[in-house]
Amino acid sequence: MRAGDDPARFRLTVVDQALRLFADKGYEATTVDEIAEAAGISRRTFFRQFRSKEDVIFADHESQLAQAAQYLEGAQGDPWEAVCEAVVQVFERFTQWRDIAARRYRVVRRVPALREREIVTVFRYERLFTDYLRYRLPEAPDLARVQFTAAVTATHNYLLRRMVRGESDAGAADLRVELAAIPRGPARARDADELVVAVFPKGMPARRVADLLAHRLGTL
């Protein structure tokens, strides 16, 4: 890496060049030397930044995870919403690098070992979000936290994959709508506290029942 280069931008450039080579030549047939040459760096510089060519494919995720962690560290307000906002920010950055995300998707689909690495990467996002909720919401049921983070991560990945396959133009606003529909742990408890039970004579007309319910609920 040259002096003055932005580390994240530099790594993204190497990722871009590596994915182009993997798409053209195949993952197994591409060497580290070829990636370094395409990126305009030495082999030594390559290995200072990446442990292997497999690491290159998912290198931008390291930056994504770091930025998500940084956002959560300073987030105020509702922790559930903070996780959703962190997920949206990840999505927005991927949409800025749509071509890179699309090439990676095609390469990973062809290499079983890379699909396994992708699963591990997804788990790291889930773990980051779950650990944050455990810290901010120690009283919340752990299963609720795990279910929530799994759901928001899966929703993000579903929309992202549709985007990189060219099946959807969904943006951050669409993702926010879908994330808003995912139940939050405490909301379930509040809903249970607000349960209303009504008893009516069996023969009362349905319209009369509806009118009485509307009237009573409006005064609670």
C-alpha atoms as a PDB file:
ATOM      1  CA  MET A   1       0.000   0.000   0.000  1.00  0.00           C
ATOM      2  CA  ARG A   2       1.352   3.411  -0.916  1.00  0.00           C
ATOM      3  CA  ALA A   3       1.729   6.219   1.610  1.00  0.00           C
ATOM      4  CA  GLY A   4      -1.409   8.326   1.789  1.00  0.00           C
ATOM      5  CA  ASP A   5      -3.688   5.594   0.448  1.00  0.00           C
ATOM      6  CA  ASP A   6      -6.968   5.078   2.279  1.00  0.00           C
ATOM      7  CA  PRO A   7      -6.731   1.512   3.714  1.00  0.00           C
ATOM      8  CA  ALA A   8     -10.387   0.651   3.074  1.00  0.00           C
ATOM      9  CA  ARG A   9     -10.279   1.995  -0.490  1.00  0.00           C
ATOM     10  CA  PHE A  10      -6.998   0.220  -1.157  1.00  0.00           C
ATOM     11  CA  ARG A  11      -8.386  -3.131   0.019  1.00  0.00           C
ATOM     12  CA  LEU A  12     -11.537  -2.615  -2.031  1.00  0.00           C
ATOM     13  CA  THR A  13      -9.405  -2.033  -5.135  1.00  0.00           C
ATOM     14  CA  VAL A  14      -7.588  -5.329  -4.583  1.00  0.00           C
ATOM     15  CA  VAL A  15     -10.919  -7.097  -4.006  1.00  0.00           C
ATOM     16  CA  ASP A  16     -12.228  -5.672  -7.269  1.00  0.00           C
ATOM     17  CA  GLN A  17      -9.209  -6.824  -9.278  1.00  0.00           C
ATOM     18  CA  ALA A  18      -9.204 -10.264  -7.672  1.00  0.00           C
ATOM     19  CA  LEU A  19     -12.884 -10.835  -8.403  1.00  0.00           C
ATOM     20  CA  ARG A  20     -12.387  -9.809 -12.022  1.00  0.00           C
ATOM     21  CA  LEU A  21      -9.640 -12.417 -12.362  1.00  0.00           C
ATOM     22  CA  PHE A  22     -11.678 -15.081 -10.566  1.00  0.00           C
ATOM     23  CA  ALA A  23     -14.607 -14.402 -12.900  1.00  0.00           C
ATOM     24  CA  ASP A  24     -12.424 -14.552 -16.023  1.00  0.00           C
ATOM     25  CA  LYS A  25      -9.984 -17.361 -15.175  1.00  0.00           C
ATOM     26  CA  GLY A  26     -11.648 -19.208 -12.335  1.00  0.00           C
ATOM     27  CA  TYR A  27     -10.822 -19.108  -8.642  1.00  0.00           C
ATOM     28  CA  GLU A  28      -8.468 -22.088  -8.573  1.00  0.00           C
ATOM     29  CA  ALA A  29      -6.563 -21.012 -11.696  1.00  0.00           C
ATOM     30  CA  THR A  30      -5.847 -17.495 -10.438  1.00  0.00           C
ATOM     31  CA  THR A  31      -2.609 -16.957  -8.510  1.00  0.00           C
ATOM     32  CA  VAL A  32      -1.700 -14.430  -5.848  1.00  0.00           C
ATOM     33  CA  ASP A  33       0.977 -13.036  -8.163  1.00  0.00           C
ATOM     34  CA  GLU A  34      -1.656 -12.332 -10.821  1.00  0.00           C
ATOM     35  CA  ILE A  35      -3.873 -10.554  -8.305  1.00  0.00           C
ATOM     36  CA  ALA A  36      -0.965  -8.449  -7.058  1.00  0.00           C
ATOM     37  CA  GLU A  37       0.038  -7.501 -10.590  1.00  0.00           C
ATOM     38  CA  ALA A  38      -3.520  -6.540 -11.541  1.00  0.00           C
ATOM     39  CA  ALA A  39      -3.832  -4.398  -8.404  1.00  0.00           C
ATOM     40  CA  GLY A  40      -0.457  -2.748  -8.990  1.00  0.00           C
ATOM     41  CA  ILE A  41       1.138  -4.008  -5.772  1.00  0.00           C
ATOM     42  CA  SER A  42       3.924  -6.395  -4.831  1.00  0.00           C
ATOM     43  CA  ARG A  43       3.417  -9.921  -3.574  1.00  0.00           C
ATOM     44  CA  ARG A  44       4.844  -8.794  -0.226  1.00  0.00           C
ATOM     45  CA  THR A  45       2.315  -5.976   0.041  1.00  0.00           C
ATOM     46  CA  PHE A  46      -0.460  -8.405  -0.799  1.00  0.00           C
ATOM     47  CA  PHE A  47       0.444 -10.676   2.103  1.00  0.00           C
ATOM     48  CA  ARG A  48       0.721  -7.751   4.491  1.00  0.00           C
ATOM     49  CA  GLN A  49      -2.950  -7.071   3.820  1.00  0.00           C
ATOM     50  CA  PHE A  50      -4.386 -10.540   3.176  1.00  0.00           C
ATOM     51  CA  ARG A  51      -3.565 -14.015   4.434  1.00  0.00           C
ATOM     52  CA  SER A  52      -4.676 -15.750   1.243  1.00  0.00           C
ATOM     53  CA  LYS A  53      -6.605 -15.226  -1.969  1.00  0.00           C
ATOM     54  CA  GLU A  54      -9.687 -16.553  -0.163  1.00  0.00           C
ATOM     55  CA  ASP A  55      -9.394 -13.666   2.282  1.00  0.00           C
ATOM     56  CA  VAL A  56      -9.443 -11.205  -0.611  1.00  0.00           C
ATOM     57  CA  ILE A  57     -12.958 -12.200  -1.627  1.00  0.00           C
ATOM     58  CA  PHE A  58     -14.441 -11.228   1.719  1.00  0.00           C
ATOM     59  CA  ALA A  59     -11.991  -8.462   2.640  1.00  0.00           C
ATOM     60  CA  ASP A  60     -14.559  -5.673   2.360  1.00  0.00           C
ATOM     61  CA  HIS A  61     -16.636  -7.446   4.989  1.00  0.00           C
ATOM     62  CA  GLU A  62     -13.910  -6.667   7.525  1.00  0.00           C
ATOM     63  CA  SER A  63     -14.457  -2.980   6.882  1.00  0.00           C
ATOM     64  CA  GLN A  64     -18.227  -3.436   6.961  1.00  0.00           C
ATOM     65  CA  LEU A  65     -18.100  -5.219  10.313  1.00  0.00           C
ATOM     66  CA  ALA A  66     -15.782  -2.597  11.775  1.00  0.00           C
ATOM     67  CA  GLN A  67     -18.032   0.253  10.644  1.00  0.00           C
ATOM     68  CA  ALA A  68     -21.141  -1.497  11.964  1.00  0.00           C
ATOM     69  CA  ALA A  69     -19.443  -2.056  15.328  1.00  0.00           C
ATOM     70  CA  GLN A  70     -18.371   1.581  15.461  1.00  0.00           C
ATOM     71  CA  TYR A  71     -21.909   2.765  14.724  1.00  0.00           C
ATOM     72  CA  LEU A  72     -23.419   0.537  17.411  1.00  0.00           C
ATOM     73  CA  GLU A  73     -20.861   1.681  19.966  1.00  0.00           C
ATOM     74  CA  GLY A  74     -22.142   5.234  19.695  1.00  0.00           C
ATOM     75  CA  ALA A  75     -25.811   4.488  18.976  1.00  0.00           C
ATOM     76  CA  GLN A  76     -28.427   6.049  21.250  1.00  0.00           C
ATOM     77  CA  GLY A  77     -32.107   5.271  21.666  1.00  0.00           C
ATOM     78  CA  ASP A  78     -33.839   1.976  21.003  1.00  0.00           C
ATOM     79  CA  PRO A  79     -31.256  -0.845  20.649  1.00  0.00           C
ATOM     80  CA  TRP A  80     -33.501  -2.854  18.318  1.00  0.00           C
ATOM     81  CA  GLU A  81     -33.722   0.116  15.973  1.00  0.00           C
ATOM     82  CA  ALA A  82     -29.968   0.676  16.243  1.00  0.00           C
ATOM     83  CA  VAL A  83     -29.344  -2.837  14.922  1.00  0.00           C
ATOM     84  CA  CYS A  84     -31.746  -2.209  12.044  1.00  0.00           C
ATOM     85  CA  GLU A  85     -29.975   1.034  11.175  1.00  0.00           C
ATOM     86  CA  ALA A  86     -26.586  -0.713  11.238  1.00  0.00           C
ATOM     87  CA  VAL A  87     -27.965  -3.317   8.829  1.00  0.00           C
ATOM     88  CA  VAL A  88     -29.307  -0.605   6.516  1.00  0.00           C
ATOM     89  CA  GLN A  89     -25.923   1.115   6.482  1.00  0.00           C
ATOM     90  CA  VAL A  90     -24.236  -2.148   5.479  1.00  0.00           C
ATOM     91  CA  PHE A  91     -26.784  -2.537   2.677  1.00  0.00           C
ATOM     92  CA  GLU A  92     -26.230   1.015   1.461  1.00  0.00           C
ATOM     93  CA  ARG A  93     -22.482   0.478   1.217  1.00  0.00           C
ATOM     94  CA  PHE A  94     -22.992  -2.726  -0.738  1.00  0.00           C
ATOM     95  CA  THR A  95     -25.288  -0.917  -3.171  1.00  0.00           C
ATOM     96  CA  GLN A  96     -22.479   1.568  -3.788  1.00  0.00           C
ATOM     97  CA  TRP A  97     -20.254  -1.392  -4.719  1.00  0.00           C
ATOM     98  CA  ARG A  98     -22.952  -3.263  -6.604  1.00  0.00           C
ATOM     99  CA  ASP A  99     -20.634  -4.545  -9.347  1.00  0.00           C
ATOM    100  CA  ILE A 100     -18.226  -5.982  -6.793  1.00  0.00           C
ATOM    101  CA  ALA A 101     -21.066  -7.613  -4.856  1.00  0.00           C
ATOM    102  CA  ALA A 102     -22.462  -9.121  -8.066  1.00  0.00           C
ATOM    103  CA  ARG A 103     -19.101 -10.554  -9.152  1.00  0.00           C
ATOM    104  CA  ARG A 104     -18.506 -12.016  -5.710  1.00  0.00           C
ATOM    105  CA  TYR A 105     -21.941 -13.627  -5.738  1.00  0.00           C
ATOM    106  CA  ARG A 106     -21.181 -15.373  -9.037  1.00  0.00           C
ATOM    107  CA  VAL A 107     -17.723 -16.517  -7.930  1.00  0.00           C
ATOM    108  CA  VAL A 108     -18.869 -17.798  -4.534  1.00  0.00           C
ATOM    109  CA  ARG A 109     -21.723 -19.778  -6.079  1.00  0.00           C
ATOM    110  CA  ARG A 110     -19.177 -21.786  -8.101  1.00  0.00           C
ATOM    111  CA  VAL A 111     -16.754 -22.656  -5.280  1.00  0.00           C
ATOM    112  CA  PRO A 112     -18.048 -24.791  -2.352  1.00  0.00           C
ATOM    113  CA  ALA A 113     -15.237 -23.706  -0.007  1.00  0.00           C
ATOM    114  CA  LEU A 114     -16.158 -20.081  -0.562  1.00  0.00           C
ATOM    115  CA  ARG A 115     -19.813 -20.768   0.173  1.00  0.00           C
ATOM    116  CA  GLU A 116     -18.734 -22.185   3.537  1.00  0.00           C
ATOM    117  CA  ARG A 117     -16.667 -19.080   4.216  1.00  0.00           C
ATOM    118  CA  GLU A 118     -19.673 -16.931   3.331  1.00  0.00           C
ATOM    119  CA  ILE A 119     -21.760 -18.731   5.956  1.00  0.00           C
ATOM    120  CA  VAL A 120     -19.110 -17.970   8.567  1.00  0.00           C
ATOM    121  CA  THR A 121     -19.087 -14.323   7.503  1.00  0.00           C
ATOM    122  CA  VAL A 122     -22.868 -14.057   7.878  1.00  0.00           C
ATOM    123  CA  PHE A 123     -22.570 -15.528  11.372  1.00  0.00           C
ATOM    124  CA  ARG A 124     -20.089 -12.801  12.326  1.00  0.00           C
ATOM    125  CA  TYR A 125     -22.700 -10.145  11.564  1.00  0.00           C
ATOM    126  CA  GLU A 126     -25.291 -12.005  13.609  1.00  0.00           C
ATOM    127  CA  ARG A 127     -22.865 -12.376  16.511  1.00  0.00           C
ATOM    128  CA  LEU A 128     -22.008  -8.662  16.422  1.00  0.00           C
ATOM    129  CA  PHE A 129     -25.682  -7.686  16.581  1.00  0.00           C
ATOM    130  CA  THR A 130     -26.563 -10.287  19.220  1.00  0.00           C
ATOM    131  CA  ASP A 131     -23.667  -9.273  21.468  1.00  0.00           C
ATOM    132  CA  TYR A 132     -24.750  -5.649  21.173  1.00  0.00           C
ATOM    133  CA  LEU A 133     -28.326  -6.496  22.193  1.00  0.00           C
ATOM    134  CA  ARG A 134     -27.053  -8.591  25.108  1.00  0.00           C
ATOM    135  CA  TYR A 135     -25.090  -5.583  26.317  1.00  0.00           C
ATOM    136  CA  ARG A 136     -27.877  -3.032  25.806  1.00  0.00           C
ATOM    137  CA  LEU A 137     -30.828  -5.256  26.729  1.00  0.00           C
ATOM    138  CA  PRO A 138     -29.626  -7.695  29.394  1.00  0.00           C
ATOM    139  CA  GLU A 139     -33.201  -8.254  30.571  1.00  0.00           C
ATOM    140  CA  ALA A 140     -34.499  -9.350  27.148  1.00  0.00           C
ATOM    141  CA  PRO A 141     -34.897 -13.097  26.519  1.00  0.00           C
ATOM    142  CA  ASP A 142     -31.775 -14.372  24.793  1.00  0.00           C
ATOM    143  CA  LEU A 143     -33.815 -16.345  22.271  1.00  0.00           C
ATOM    144  CA  ALA A 144     -35.627 -13.144  21.272  1.00  0.00           C
ATOM    145  CA  ARG A 145     -32.296 -11.423  20.657  1.00  0.00           C
ATOM    146  CA  VAL A 146     -30.942 -14.320  18.595  1.00  0.00           C
ATOM    147  CA  GLN A 147     -34.153 -14.638  16.578  1.00  0.00           C
ATOM    148  CA  PHE A 148     -34.184 -10.913  15.877  1.00  0.00           C
ATOM    149  CA  THR A 149     -30.587 -10.709  14.667  1.00  0.00           C
ATOM    150  CA  ALA A 150     -31.027 -13.813  12.515  1.00  0.00           C
ATOM    151  CA  ALA A 151     -34.156 -12.306  10.963  1.00  0.00           C
ATOM    152  CA  VAL A 152     -32.657  -8.891  10.195  1.00  0.00           C
ATOM    153  CA  THR A 153     -29.515 -10.458   8.726  1.00  0.00           C
ATOM    154  CA  ALA A 154     -31.540 -12.871   6.584  1.00  0.00           C
ATOM    155  CA  THR A 155     -33.769 -10.029   5.366  1.00  0.00           C
ATOM    156  CA  HIS A 156     -30.726  -7.965   4.390  1.00  0.00           C
ATOM    157  CA  ASN A 157     -29.137 -10.902   2.573  1.00  0.00           C
ATOM    158  CA  TYR A 158     -32.341 -11.785   0.729  1.00  0.00           C
ATOM    159  CA  LEU A 159     -32.754  -8.283  -0.694  1.00  0.00           C
ATOM    160  CA  LEU A 160     -29.033  -7.988  -1.447  1.00  0.00           C
ATOM    161  CA  ARG A 161     -28.971 -11.266  -3.376  1.00  0.00           C
ATOM    162  CA  ARG A 162     -32.003 -10.250  -5.410  1.00  0.00           C
ATOM    163  CA  MET A 163     -30.259  -6.988  -6.205  1.00  0.00           C
ATOM    164  CA  VAL A 164     -26.970  -8.564  -7.329  1.00  0.00           C
ATOM    165  CA  ARG A 165     -28.876 -11.102  -9.445  1.00  0.00           C
ATOM    166  CA  GLY A 166     -30.658  -8.235 -11.183  1.00  0.00           C
ATOM    167  CA  GLU A 167     -34.057  -9.365  -9.892  1.00  0.00           C
ATOM    168  CA  SER A 168     -34.814  -6.270  -7.840  1.00  0.00           C
ATOM    169  CA  ASP A 169     -33.937  -2.596  -7.511  1.00  0.00           C
ATOM    170  CA  ALA A 170     -34.819  -2.552  -3.821  1.00  0.00           C
ATOM    171  CA  GLY A 171     -33.036   0.169  -1.913  1.00  0.00           C
ATOM    172  CA  ALA A 172     -32.450   1.178   1.683  1.00  0.00           C
ATOM    173  CA  ALA A 173     -36.026   2.444   2.052  1.00  0.00           C
ATOM    174  CA  ASP A 174     -37.396  -0.966   1.035  1.00  0.00           C
ATOM    175  CA  LEU A 175     -35.098  -2.690   3.503  1.00  0.00           C
ATOM    176  CA  ARG A 176     -36.261  -0.383   6.295  1.00  0.00           C
ATOM    177  CA  VAL A 177     -39.882  -1.303   5.582  1.00  0.00           C
ATOM    178  CA  GLU A 178     -39.120  -5.021   5.779  1.00  0.00           C
ATOM    179  CA  LEU A 179     -37.025  -4.657   8.934  1.00  0.00           C
ATOM    180  CA  ALA A 180     -39.812  -2.701  10.619  1.00  0.00           C
ATOM    181  CA  ALA A 181     -42.071  -5.750  10.264  1.00  0.00           C
ATOM    182  CA  ILE A 182     -39.730  -7.985  12.292  1.00  0.00           C
ATOM    183  CA  PRO A 183     -40.984  -8.417  15.902  1.00  0.00           C
ATOM    184  CA  ARG A 184     -38.870  -6.927  18.679  1.00  0.00           C
ATOM    185  CA  GLY A 185     -38.626  -8.884  21.905  1.00  0.00           C
ATOM    186  CA  PRO A 186     -40.104  -6.301  24.307  1.00  0.00           C
ATOM    187  CA  ALA A 187     -42.971  -5.547  21.909  1.00  0.00           C
ATOM    188  CA  ARG A 188     -44.310  -9.038  22.464  1.00  0.00           C
ATOM    189  CA  ALA A 189     -44.424  -8.480  26.192  1.00  0.00           C
ATOM    190  CA  ARG A 190     -46.235  -5.157  25.795  1.00  0.00           C
ATOM    191  CA  ASP A 191     -48.758  -6.699  23.441  1.00  0.00           C
ATOM    192  CA  ALA A 192     -49.466  -9.436  25.971  1.00  0.00           C
ATOM    193  CA  ASP A 193     -50.056  -6.831  28.739  1.00  0.00           C
ATOM    194  CA  GLU A 194     -52.573  -5.043  26.535  1.00  0.00           C
ATOM    195  CA  LEU A 195     -54.660  -8.116  25.747  1.00  0.00           C
ATOM    196  CA  VAL A 196     -58.395  -7.367  25.916  1.00  0.00           C
ATOM    197  CA  VAL A 197     -60.966 -10.119  26.532  1.00  0.00           C
ATOM    198  CA  ALA A 198     -64.628  -9.434  25.745  1.00  0.00           C
ATOM    199  CA  VAL A 199     -67.669 -11.619  26.461  1.00  0.00           C
ATOM    200  CA  PHE A 200     -70.983 -11.216  24.611  1.00  0.00           C
ATOM    201  CA  PRO A 201     -74.251 -13.153  24.523  1.00  0.00           C
ATOM    202  CA  LYS A 202     -74.142 -15.912  21.918  1.00  0.00           C
ATOM    203  CA  GLY A 203     -77.115 -14.542  20.029  1.00  0.00           C
ATOM    204  CA  MET A 204     -75.924 -10.934  19.763  1.00  0.00           C
ATOM    205  CA  PRO A 205     -75.672  -9.809  16.101  1.00  0.00           C
ATOM    206  CA  ALA A 206     -72.113  -9.520  14.790  1.00  0.00           C
ATOM    207  CA  ARG A 207     -72.662  -5.876  13.807  1.00  0.00           C
ATOM    208  CA  ARG A 208     -73.700  -5.037  17.373  1.00  0.00           C
ATOM    209  CA  VAL A 209     -70.593  -6.825  18.721  1.00  0.00           C
ATOM    210  CA  ALA A 210     -68.383  -4.808  16.385  1.00  0.00           C
ATOM    211  CA  ASP A 211     -70.036  -1.528  17.401  1.00  0.00           C
ATOM    212  CA  LEU A 212     -69.645  -2.273  21.113  1.00  0.00           C
ATOM    213  CA  LEU A 213     -66.005  -3.283  20.683  1.00  0.00           C
ATOM    214  CA  ALA A 214     -65.231  -0.141  18.745  1.00  0.00           C
ATOM    215  CA  HIS A 215     -66.864   1.973  21.433  1.00  0.00           C
ATOM    216  CA  ARG A 216     -65.191   0.238  24.376  1.00  0.00           C
ATOM    217  CA  LEU A 217     -61.716   0.115  22.810  1.00  0.00           C
ATOM    218  CA  GLY A 218     -61.965   3.792  22.113  1.00  0.00           C
ATOM    219  CA  THR A 219     -62.452   4.503  25.839  1.00  0.00           C
ATOM    220  CA  LEU A 220     -59.715   2.214  27.235  1.00  0.00           C
END
